[in-house]
C-alpha atoms as a PDB file:
ATOM      1  CA  MET A   1     112.370 -51.408  38.809  1.00  0.00           C
ATOM      2  CA  PHE A   2     114.936 -53.996  37.792  1.00  0.00           C
ATOM      3  CA  VAL A   3     118.156 -54.423  39.851  1.00  0.00           C
ATOM      4  CA  LEU A   4     121.237 -56.250  38.620  1.00  0.00           C
ATOM      5  CA  GLY A   5     122.690 -58.409  41.339  1.00  0.00           C
ATOM      6  CA  PRO A   6     126.331 -59.335  41.764  1.00  0.00           C
ATOM      7  CA  ARG A   7     127.874 -61.650  39.218  1.00  0.00           C
ATOM      8  CA  TYR A   8     130.359 -64.415  39.650  1.00  0.00           C
ATOM      9  CA  GLY A   9     133.877 -63.289  40.290  1.00  0.00           C
ATOM     10  CA  ASP A  10     134.826 -59.792  39.433  1.00  0.00           C
ATOM     11  CA  GLU A  11     132.714 -59.605  36.263  1.00  0.00           C
ATOM     12  CA  THR A  12     130.746 -56.476  35.687  1.00  0.00           C
ATOM     13  CA  PRO A  13     127.503 -56.184  33.657  1.00  0.00           C
ATOM     14  CA  ASP A  14     128.266 -55.942  29.976  1.00  0.00           C
ATOM     15  CA  LYS A  15     126.279 -54.637  26.990  1.00  0.00           C
ATOM     16  CA  GLU A  16     124.397 -57.909  26.613  1.00  0.00           C
ATOM     17  CA  ASP A  17     123.209 -57.690  30.219  1.00  0.00           C
ATOM     18  CA  PHE A  18     122.044 -54.139  29.693  1.00  0.00           C
ATOM     19  CA  ALA A  19     120.292 -55.159  26.465  1.00  0.00           C
ATOM     20  CA  ILE A  20     118.418 -57.921  28.307  1.00  0.00           C
ATOM     21  CA  LEU A  21     117.545 -55.502  31.081  1.00  0.00           C
ATOM     22  CA  SER A  22     116.299 -52.972  28.516  1.00  0.00           C
ATOM     23  CA  THR A  23     114.118 -55.617  26.837  1.00  0.00           C
ATOM     24  CA  LEU A  24     112.666 -56.738  30.150  1.00  0.00           C
ATOM     25  CA  SER A  25     111.951 -53.140  31.102  1.00  0.00           C
ATOM     26  CA  ALA A  26     110.146 -52.519  27.819  1.00  0.00           C
ATOM     27  CA  GLN A  27     108.055 -55.653  28.281  1.00  0.00           C
ATOM     28  CA  ALA A  28     107.239 -54.657  31.843  1.00  0.00           C
ATOM     29  CA  ALA A  29     106.172 -51.204  30.651  1.00  0.00           C
ATOM     30  CA  ILE A  30     103.888 -52.809  28.058  1.00  0.00           C
ATOM     31  CA  ALA A  31     102.436 -55.092  30.736  1.00  0.00           C
ATOM     32  CA  CYS A  32     101.745 -52.099  32.971  1.00  0.00           C
ATOM     33  CA  GLU A  33     100.060 -50.281  30.095  1.00  0.00           C
ATOM     34  CA  ASN A  34      97.932 -53.353  29.380  1.00  0.00           C
ATOM     35  CA  ILE A  35      96.908 -53.567  33.029  1.00  0.00           C
ATOM     36  CA  ALA A  36      95.920 -49.895  32.955  1.00  0.00           C
ATOM     37  CA  LEU A  37      93.961 -50.437  29.724  1.00  0.00           C
ATOM     38  CA  LEU A  38      92.179 -53.452  31.199  1.00  0.00           C
ATOM     39  CA  GLU A  39      91.264 -51.477  34.279  1.00  0.00           C
ATOM     40  CA  SER A  40      89.940 -48.662  32.109  1.00  0.00           C
ATOM     41  CA  LEU A  41      87.994 -51.184  30.026  1.00  0.00           C
ATOM     42  CA  ARG A  42      86.474 -52.679  33.181  1.00  0.00           C
ATOM     43  CA  GLU A  43      85.318 -49.241  34.250  1.00  0.00           C
ATOM     44  CA  GLN A  44      83.835 -48.556  30.833  1.00  0.00           C
ATOM     45  CA  LEU A  45      82.054 -51.932  30.797  1.00  0.00           C
ATOM     46  CA  SER A  46      80.701 -51.242  34.261  1.00  0.00           C
ATOM     47  CA  ALA A  47      79.379 -47.901  33.033  1.00  0.00           C
ATOM     48  CA  VAL A  48      77.793 -49.586  29.997  1.00  0.00           C
ATOM     49  CA  GLU A  49      76.161 -52.192  32.254  1.00  0.00           C
ATOM     50  CA  GLN A  50      74.775 -49.436  34.445  1.00  0.00           C
ATOM     51  CA  VAL A  51      73.389 -47.568  31.419  1.00  0.00           C
ATOM     52  CA  ARG A  52      71.857 -50.821  30.133  1.00  0.00           C
ATOM     53  CA  ASP A  53      70.211 -51.512  33.477  1.00  0.00           C
ATOM     54  CA  GLU A  54      68.885 -47.971  33.655  1.00  0.00           C
ATOM     55  CA  LEU A  55      67.577 -48.243  30.077  1.00  0.00           C
ATOM     56  CA  ALA A  56      65.841 -51.540  30.887  1.00  0.00           C
ATOM     57  CA  GLU A  57      64.273 -49.997  33.977  1.00  0.00           C
ATOM     58  CA  THR A  58      63.168 -46.963  31.963  1.00  0.00           C
ATOM     59  CA  GLN A  59      61.590 -49.175  29.316  1.00  0.00           C
ATOM     60  CA  ALA A  60      59.774 -51.174  31.978  1.00  0.00           C
ATOM     61  CA  ARG A  61      58.473 -48.061  33.686  1.00  0.00           C
ATOM     62  CA  LEU A  62      57.344 -46.674  30.333  1.00  0.00           C
ATOM     63  CA  ALA A  63      55.499 -49.929  29.645  1.00  0.00           C
ATOM     64  CA  GLU A  64      53.787 -49.717  33.025  1.00  0.00           C
ATOM     65  CA  GLY A  65      52.944 -46.094  32.319  1.00  0.00           C
ATOM     66  CA  ARG A  66      51.379 -47.047  28.998  1.00  0.00           C
ATOM     67  CA  GLU A  67      49.215 -49.639  30.737  1.00  0.00           C
ATOM     68  CA  GLU A  68      48.050 -47.037  33.238  1.00  0.00           C
ATOM     69  CA  GLU A  69      47.216 -44.657  30.372  1.00  0.00           C
ATOM     70  CA  ARG A  70      45.283 -47.445  28.646  1.00  0.00           C
ATOM     71  CA  LEU A  71      43.217 -48.023  31.779  1.00  0.00           C
ATOM     72  CA  HIS A  72      42.615 -44.322  32.226  1.00  0.00           C
ATOM     73  CA  LEU A  73      41.522 -43.882  28.609  1.00  0.00           C
ATOM     74  CA  ALA A  74      39.278 -46.963  28.790  1.00  0.00           C
ATOM     75  CA  ARG A  75      37.558 -45.596  31.901  1.00  0.00           C
ATOM     76  CA  GLU A  76      37.121 -42.159  30.352  1.00  0.00           C
ATOM     77  CA  LEU A  77      35.628 -43.575  27.146  1.00  0.00           C
ATOM     78  CA  HIS A  78      33.368 -46.027  28.953  1.00  0.00           C
ATOM     79  CA  ASP A  79      32.085 -43.569  31.533  1.00  0.00           C
ATOM     80  CA  GLY A  80      31.749 -40.668  29.081  1.00  0.00           C
ATOM     81  CA  PRO A  81      31.107 -41.004  25.322  1.00  0.00           C
ATOM     82  CA  VAL A  82      29.913 -44.624  25.457  1.00  0.00           C
ATOM     83  CA  GLN A  83      27.318 -43.891  28.118  1.00  0.00           C
ATOM     84  CA  ASP A  84      26.216 -40.756  26.258  1.00  0.00           C
ATOM     85  CA  LEU A  85      25.734 -42.734  23.061  1.00  0.00           C
ATOM     86  CA  TYR A  86      23.686 -45.414  24.787  1.00  0.00           C
ATOM     87  CA  ALA A  87      21.563 -42.674  26.384  1.00  0.00           C
ATOM     88  CA  MET A  88      20.992 -41.177  22.938  1.00  0.00           C
ATOM     89  CA  LEU A  89      19.989 -44.587  21.605  1.00  0.00           C
ATOM     90  CA  HIS A  90      17.534 -44.999  24.458  1.00  0.00           C
ATOM     91  CA  GLU A  91      16.003 -41.599  23.694  1.00  0.00           C
ATOM     92  CA  ILE A  92      15.780 -42.492  20.003  1.00  0.00           C
ATOM     93  CA  GLU A  93      14.044 -45.767  20.834  1.00  0.00           C
ATOM     94  CA  LEU A  94      11.525 -43.967  23.088  1.00  0.00           C
ATOM     95  CA  GLY A  95      11.015 -41.032  20.773  1.00  0.00           C
ATOM     96  CA  SER A  96       8.001 -40.430  18.642  1.00  0.00           C
ATOM     97  CA  GLN A  97       7.703 -42.453  15.456  1.00  0.00           C
ATOM     98  CA  PRO A  98       8.985 -40.405  12.516  1.00  0.00           C
ATOM     99  CA  ALA A  99       6.924 -39.713   9.448  1.00  0.00           C
ATOM    100  CA  ASP A 100       7.154 -42.189   6.608  1.00  0.00           C
ATOM    101  CA  GLY A 101       9.517 -39.963   4.689  1.00  0.00           C
ATOM    102  CA  ASP A 102      11.883 -39.697   7.642  1.00  0.00           C
ATOM    103  CA  LEU A 103      11.846 -43.382   8.575  1.00  0.00           C
ATOM    104  CA  GLN A 104      14.872 -44.283   6.478  1.00  0.00           C
ATOM    105  CA  LEU A 105      16.863 -41.391   7.923  1.00  0.00           C
ATOM    106  CA  PHE A 106      15.753 -42.368  11.421  1.00  0.00           C
ATOM    107  CA  GLU A 107      16.916 -45.968  10.969  1.00  0.00           C
ATOM    108  CA  SER A 108      20.195 -44.836   9.446  1.00  0.00           C
ATOM    109  CA  LEU A 109      20.846 -42.545  12.410  1.00  0.00           C
ATOM    110  CA  ARG A 110      20.028 -45.310  14.878  1.00  0.00           C
ATOM    111  CA  GLU A 111      22.309 -47.840  13.146  1.00  0.00           C
ATOM    112  CA  ARG A 112      25.190 -45.375  12.911  1.00  0.00           C
ATOM    113  CA  THR A 113      24.849 -44.515  16.593  1.00  0.00           C
ATOM    114  CA  GLN A 114      24.829 -48.211  17.500  1.00  0.00           C
ATOM    115  CA  ARG A 115      27.907 -48.809  15.360  1.00  0.00           C
ATOM    116  CA  VAL A 116      29.832 -45.976  17.000  1.00  0.00           C
ATOM    117  CA  ALA A 117      28.836 -47.241  20.449  1.00  0.00           C
ATOM    118  CA  ARG A 118      29.980 -50.789  19.608  1.00  0.00           C
ATOM    119  CA  THR A 119      33.265 -49.489  18.206  1.00  0.00           C
ATOM    120  CA  LEU A 120      33.987 -47.464  21.324  1.00  0.00           C
ATOM    121  CA  ARG A 121      33.024 -50.416  23.521  1.00  0.00           C
ATOM    122  CA  ASP A 122      35.455 -52.665  21.610  1.00  0.00           C
ATOM    123  CA  ILE A 123      38.195 -50.054  22.003  1.00  0.00           C
ATOM    124  CA  CYS A 124      37.557 -49.998  25.746  1.00  0.00           C
ATOM    125  CA  ILE A 125      37.801 -53.793  25.894  1.00  0.00           C
ATOM    126  CA  ASP A 126      41.099 -53.755  23.982  1.00  0.00           C
ATOM    127  CA  LEU A 127      42.527 -50.984  26.152  1.00  0.00           C
ATOM    128  CA  ARG A 128      41.490 -52.587  29.418  1.00  0.00           C
ATOM    129  CA  PRO A 129      43.302 -55.904  29.968  1.00  0.00           C
ATOM    130  CA  PRO A 130      41.211 -58.823  31.208  1.00  0.00           C
ATOM    131  CA  LEU A 131      41.467 -59.958  34.810  1.00  0.00           C
ATOM    132  CA  LEU A 132      44.216 -62.427  33.967  1.00  0.00           C
ATOM    133  CA  ALA A 133      44.635 -63.569  37.541  1.00  0.00           C
ATOM    134  CA  ASP A 134      40.962 -64.612  37.605  1.00  0.00           C
ATOM    135  CA  VAL A 135      40.290 -66.005  34.116  1.00  0.00           C
ATOM    136  CA  GLY A 136      43.773 -67.220  33.138  1.00  0.00           C
ATOM    137  CA  LEU A 137      45.860 -66.266  30.124  1.00  0.00           C
ATOM    138  CA  ASP A 138      44.523 -69.127  27.991  1.00  0.00           C
ATOM    139  CA  VAL A 139      40.924 -67.970  28.465  1.00  0.00           C
ATOM    140  CA  ALA A 140      41.898 -64.350  27.762  1.00  0.00           C
ATOM    141  CA  ILE A 141      43.589 -65.372  24.495  1.00  0.00           C
ATOM    142  CA  ARG A 142      40.523 -67.368  23.406  1.00  0.00           C
ATOM    143  CA  SER A 143      38.212 -64.475  24.270  1.00  0.00           C
ATOM    144  CA  SER A 144      40.367 -62.034  22.317  1.00  0.00           C
ATOM    145  CA  ALA A 145      40.335 -64.337  19.275  1.00  0.00           C
ATOM    146  CA  ALA A 146      36.549 -64.679  19.545  1.00  0.00           C
ATOM    147  CA  ARG A 147      36.158 -60.878  19.463  1.00  0.00           C
ATOM    148  CA  HIS A 148      38.365 -60.690  16.376  1.00  0.00           C
ATOM    149  CA  LEU A 149      36.258 -63.395  14.723  1.00  0.00           C
ATOM    150  CA  GLU A 150      33.085 -61.398  15.345  1.00  0.00           C
ATOM    151  CA  LYS A 151      34.580 -58.385  13.597  1.00  0.00           C
ATOM    152  CA  HIS A 152      36.354 -60.379  10.866  1.00  0.00           C
ATOM    153  CA  PRO A 153      34.234 -63.447  10.010  1.00  0.00           C
ATOM    154  CA  GLU A 154      36.168 -63.842   6.758  1.00  0.00           C
ATOM    155  CA  ILE A 155      39.257 -64.913   8.737  1.00  0.00           C
ATOM    156  CA  GLU A 156      39.554 -68.392  10.202  1.00  0.00           C
ATOM    157  CA  PHE A 157      40.947 -68.346  13.741  1.00  0.00           C
ATOM    158  CA  GLU A 158      42.557 -71.443  15.214  1.00  0.00           C
ATOM    159  CA  VAL A 159      43.466 -71.216  18.897  1.00  0.00           C
ATOM    160  CA  GLU A 160      45.450 -73.816  20.793  1.00  0.00           C
ATOM    161  CA  ALA A 161      45.746 -72.450  24.313  1.00  0.00           C
ATOM    162  CA  VAL A 162      46.589 -75.009  26.967  1.00  0.00           C
ATOM    163  CA  PRO A 163      45.671 -74.009  30.542  1.00  0.00           C
ATOM    164  CA  HIS A 164      48.902 -73.442  32.464  1.00  0.00           C
ATOM    165  CA  LYS A 165      49.203 -75.417  35.678  1.00  0.00           C
ATOM    166  CA  GLN A 166      51.851 -73.237  37.266  1.00  0.00           C
ATOM    167  CA  LYS A 167      51.070 -69.697  38.374  1.00  0.00           C
ATOM    168  CA  LEU A 168      52.598 -67.155  36.032  1.00  0.00           C
ATOM    169  CA  PRO A 169      53.350 -63.668  37.363  1.00  0.00           C
ATOM    170  CA  GLU A 170      50.692 -61.132  36.460  1.00  0.00           C
ATOM    171  CA  LYS A 171      53.174 -58.866  34.685  1.00  0.00           C
ATOM    172  CA  MET A 172      54.391 -61.767  32.573  1.00  0.00           C
ATOM    173  CA  GLN A 173      50.812 -62.716  31.694  1.00  0.00           C
ATOM    174  CA  LEU A 174      49.998 -59.127  30.765  1.00  0.00           C
ATOM    175  CA  ALA A 175      53.095 -58.851  28.538  1.00  0.00           C
ATOM    176  CA  LEU A 176      52.245 -62.152  26.810  1.00  0.00           C
ATOM    177  CA  PHE A 177      48.630 -61.064  26.296  1.00  0.00           C
ATOM    178  CA  ARG A 178      49.712 -57.735  24.797  1.00  0.00           C
ATOM    179  CA  VAL A 179      52.192 -59.505  22.479  1.00  0.00           C
ATOM    180  CA  CYS A 180      49.425 -61.846  21.307  1.00  0.00           C
ATOM    181  CA  GLN A 181      47.037 -58.923  20.894  1.00  0.00           C
ATOM    182  CA  GLU A 182      49.525 -56.840  18.911  1.00  0.00           C
ATOM    183  CA  ALA A 183      50.662 -59.744  16.705  1.00  0.00           C
ATOM    184  CA  THR A 184      47.050 -60.580  15.853  1.00  0.00           C
ATOM    185  CA  ASN A 185      46.192 -56.945  15.131  1.00  0.00           C
ATOM    186  CA  ASN A 186      49.241 -56.626  12.872  1.00  0.00           C
ATOM    187  CA  ALA A 187      48.261 -59.742  10.947  1.00  0.00           C
ATOM    188  CA  ILE A 188      44.701 -58.470  10.426  1.00  0.00           C
ATOM    189  CA  GLN A 189      45.657 -54.906   9.516  1.00  0.00           C
ATOM    190  CA  HIS A 190      48.692 -55.547   7.340  1.00  0.00           C
ATOM    191  CA  GLY A 191      48.770 -59.214   6.365  1.00  0.00           C
ATOM    192  CA  ARG A 192      45.312 -59.703   4.788  1.00  0.00           C
ATOM    193  CA  PRO A 193      45.268 -63.347   5.948  1.00  0.00           C
ATOM    194  CA  SER A 194      42.590 -65.977   5.496  1.00  0.00           C
ATOM    195  CA  ARG A 195      43.724 -67.851   8.603  1.00  0.00           C
ATOM    196  CA  ILE A 196      45.419 -66.950  11.882  1.00  0.00           C
ATOM    197  CA  ARG A 197      46.682 -69.621  14.240  1.00  0.00           C
ATOM    198  CA  ILE A 198      47.490 -68.843  17.881  1.00  0.00           C
ATOM    199  CA  ARG A 199      49.308 -71.304  20.119  1.00  0.00           C
ATOM    200  CA  PHE A 200      50.051 -70.872  23.809  1.00  0.00           C
ATOM    201  CA  GLU A 201      51.496 -73.405  26.224  1.00  0.00           C
ATOM    202  CA  ALA A 202      53.457 -73.320  29.458  1.00  0.00           C
ATOM    203  CA  ASP A 203      55.336 -75.976  31.372  1.00  0.00           C
ATOM    204  CA  ALA A 204      57.901 -76.123  34.157  1.00  0.00           C
ATOM    205  CA  GLU A 205      60.703 -74.990  31.839  1.00  0.00           C
ATOM    206  CA  GLN A 206      59.301 -72.422  29.447  1.00  0.00           C
ATOM    207  CA  VAL A 207      56.319 -70.480  28.156  1.00  0.00           C
ATOM    208  CA  VAL A 208      55.676 -70.456  24.419  1.00  0.00           C
ATOM    209  CA  LEU A 209      53.433 -68.060  22.523  1.00  0.00           C
ATOM    210  CA  GLN A 210      53.141 -68.265  18.747  1.00  0.00           C
ATOM    211  CA  VAL A 211      50.988 -66.296  16.305  1.00  0.00           C
ATOM    212  CA  GLU A 212      51.077 -67.438  12.683  1.00  0.00           C
ATOM    213  CA  ASP A 213      49.176 -66.240   9.631  1.00  0.00           C
ATOM    214  CA  ASP A 214      49.021 -67.028   5.916  1.00  0.00           C
ATOM    215  CA  GLY A 215      48.955 -63.393   4.858  1.00  0.00           C
ATOM    216  CA  CYS A 216      51.143 -61.391   2.502  1.00  0.00           C
ATOM    217  CA  GLY A 217      54.207 -61.446   4.763  1.00  0.00           C
ATOM    218  CA  PHE A 218      57.081 -58.972   4.770  1.00  0.00           C
ATOM    219  CA  THR A 219      60.857 -58.775   4.923  1.00  0.00           C
ATOM    220  CA  PRO A 220      61.948 -58.696   8.600  1.00  0.00           C
ATOM    221  CA  PRO A 221      64.398 -55.894   9.416  1.00  0.00           C
ATOM    222  CA  GLU A 222      67.982 -56.485  10.400  1.00  0.00           C
ATOM    223  CA  LYS A 223      67.396 -54.382  13.511  1.00  0.00           C
ATOM    224  CA  TRP A 224      64.259 -53.109  15.205  1.00  0.00           C
ATOM    225  CA  ILE A 225      65.453 -49.535  14.913  1.00  0.00           C
ATOM    226  CA  GLU A 226      64.641 -49.761  11.206  1.00  0.00           C
ATOM    227  CA  LEU A 227      60.972 -50.288  12.062  1.00  0.00           C
ATOM    228  CA  ALA A 228      61.026 -47.375  14.488  1.00  0.00           C
ATOM    229  CA  ARG A 229      62.458 -45.094  11.815  1.00  0.00           C
ATOM    230  CA  ARG A 230      59.640 -46.129   9.463  1.00  0.00           C
ATOM    231  CA  GLY A 231      57.035 -45.541  12.159  1.00  0.00           C
ATOM    232  CA  SER A 232      56.116 -49.250  12.349  1.00  0.00           C
ATOM    233  CA  LEU A 233      55.794 -49.431  16.097  1.00  0.00           C
ATOM    234  CA  GLY A 234      53.671 -52.590  16.462  1.00  0.00           C
ATOM    235  CA  LEU A 235      56.486 -55.095  16.107  1.00  0.00           C
ATOM    236  CA  LEU A 236      58.803 -52.774  18.019  1.00  0.00           C
ATOM    237  CA  GLY A 237      56.377 -52.887  20.943  1.00  0.00           C
ATOM    238  CA  ILE A 238      56.320 -56.681  20.718  1.00  0.00           C
ATOM    239  CA  ALA A 239      60.122 -56.738  20.860  1.00  0.00           C
ATOM    240  CA  GLU A 240      60.213 -54.418  23.882  1.00  0.00           C
ATOM    241  CA  ARG A 241      57.650 -56.460  25.810  1.00  0.00           C
ATOM    242  CA  SER A 242      59.480 -59.673  24.927  1.00  0.00           C
ATOM    243  CA  ALA A 243      62.789 -58.319  26.163  1.00  0.00           C
ATOM    244  CA  ALA A 244      61.207 -56.939  29.334  1.00  0.00           C
ATOM    245  CA  ILE A 245      60.208 -60.442  30.463  1.00  0.00           C
ATOM    246  CA  GLY A 246      63.489 -62.035  29.368  1.00  0.00           C
ATOM    247  CA  GLY A 247      61.990 -63.732  26.314  1.00  0.00           C
ATOM    248  CA  GLU A 248      63.521 -64.752  22.993  1.00  0.00           C
ATOM    249  CA  LEU A 249      61.575 -63.427  20.027  1.00  0.00           C
ATOM    250  CA  ASP A 250      61.782 -65.087  16.613  1.00  0.00           C
ATOM    251  CA  VAL A 251      60.074 -63.536  13.579  1.00  0.00           C
ATOM    252  CA  GLN A 252      59.860 -65.580  10.408  1.00  0.00           C
ATOM    253  CA  SER A 253      58.384 -64.039   7.292  1.00  0.00           C
ATOM    254  CA  GLU A 254      58.869 -63.312   3.629  1.00  0.00           C
ATOM    255  CA  PRO A 255      56.781 -61.452   1.052  1.00  0.00           C
ATOM    256  CA  GLY A 256      53.926 -63.708   0.006  1.00  0.00           C
ATOM    257  CA  GLY A 257      54.809 -66.358   2.563  1.00  0.00           C
ATOM    258  CA  GLY A 258      52.914 -65.347   5.675  1.00  0.00           C
ATOM    259  CA  THR A 259      54.372 -64.499   9.076  1.00  0.00           C
ATOM    260  CA  ARG A 260      55.173 -66.435  12.236  1.00  0.00           C
ATOM    261  CA  ILE A 261      55.927 -64.658  15.503  1.00  0.00           C
ATOM    262  CA  ARG A 262      57.209 -66.957  18.243  1.00  0.00           C
ATOM    263  CA  LEU A 263      58.089 -65.894  21.783  1.00  0.00           C
ATOM    264  CA  VAL A 264      59.772 -68.242  24.252  1.00  0.00           C
ATOM    265  CA  VAL A 265      60.121 -67.152  27.881  1.00  0.00           C
ATOM    266  CA  PRO A 266      61.879 -69.139  30.627  1.00  0.00           C
ATOM    267  CA  ALA A 267      59.422 -70.283  33.267  1.00  0.00           C
ATOM    268  CA  PRO A 268      59.750 -68.317  36.525  1.00  0.00           C
ATOM    269  CA  ASP A 269      61.520 -70.058  39.389  1.00  0.00           C
ATOM    270  CA  GLU A 270      59.481 -71.440  42.279  1.00  0.00           C
ATOM    271  CA  ASN A 271      56.219 -70.531  40.564  1.00  0.00           C
ATOM    272  CA  HIS A 272      56.592 -66.846  41.315  1.00  0.00           C
ATOM    273  CA  MET A 273      58.527 -63.796  40.262  1.00  0.00           C
ATOM    274  CA  PRO A 274      59.500 -60.730  42.276  1.00  0.00           C
ATOM    275  CA  ASP A 275      57.730 -57.448  41.626  1.00  0.00           C
ATOM    276  CA  SER A 276      61.001 -55.987  40.390  1.00  0.00           C
ATOM    277  CA  PHE A 277      61.192 -58.522  37.567  1.00  0.00           C
ATOM    278  CA  MET A 278      60.101 -56.088  34.907  1.00  0.00           C
ATOM    279  CA  THR A 279      62.635 -53.497  35.988  1.00  0.00           C
ATOM    280  CA  SER A 280      65.558 -55.808  36.639  1.00  0.00           C
ATOM    281  CA  SER A 281      65.692 -57.398  33.186  1.00  0.00           C
ATOM    282  CA  ARG A 282      68.811 -56.534  31.261  1.00  0.00           C
ATOM    283  CA  GLY A 283      67.408 -57.669  27.943  1.00  0.00           C
ATOM    284  CA  LYS A 284      67.275 -55.311  24.986  1.00  0.00           C
ATOM    285  CA  ALA A 285      65.014 -55.568  21.982  1.00  0.00           C
ATOM    286  CA  ASP A 286      67.794 -56.437  19.555  1.00  0.00           C
ATOM    287  CA  ALA A 287      69.288 -58.985  21.954  1.00  0.00           C
ATOM    288  CA  ALA A 288      65.990 -60.821  22.268  1.00  0.00           C
ATOM    289  CA  TYR A 289      65.279 -60.799  18.541  1.00  0.00           C
ATOM    290  CA  SER A 290      66.193 -63.260  15.848  1.00  0.00           C
ATOM    291  CA  ARG A 291      65.231 -62.676  12.262  1.00  0.00           C
ATOM    292  CA  THR A 292      64.542 -65.373   9.703  1.00  0.00           C
ATOM    293  CA  THR A 293      63.500 -64.966   6.088  1.00  0.00           C
ATOM    294  CA  ARG A 294      61.800 -68.127   4.975  1.00  0.00           C
END
């Protein structure tokens, strides 16, 4: 409300005074509308923040659920089919010697059974994460690369994994190990490389994980949702794990030029991280992702 006070002498408000008052009133009305809009915007932003936090927590819980399913499946395979296959092999080894005409078939059956057992054992190892708290992430990365080398001797693996002096949270180590595992698997399955280089180092400021190959490369998407729509979930999983630990993911690639996946994560404060770290991150896959075509 605007009130005109008394004027000098006996003058009364004229048209110009009323015009000024009208202008001021209009400006005040606009200011009030702007304040109301700002308040509404604050409420909407607060709602968006809440949805983002809930989405981050959901993603983290889904990731933890996937790890539990991996462990369950690894136990079921190891305690069931794998043991049955090894029992069959033992019976084959102790069985009567086949006739000369059946010897080739016997050996073929034994080799196929051994191959299936080894394949299932490798699947169990991949599903079950190593005891990172005991062996350390650097040792786990080297061991994983060694297993890949056994299965793919045509690929040269170069691993530069520096033992980390500070204690990294177990959930961070597990996420980093899974990112390394998935990036290496993607390179082998899709890149047809002759060399894969893995680098891992951690200091007081940051943790760096990099997987680089000289394979066929690809054109990185503008957004991760494009990969999801195509059913390419490997890199999408890498992005989700990177965001869950507050990391910055950079993917550099081009057709015929190989691929480099680099993840940088801020080092945890005071050499530890609360258990709620995975569920309190507000990062999203797209926010943690930068795309570069070399």
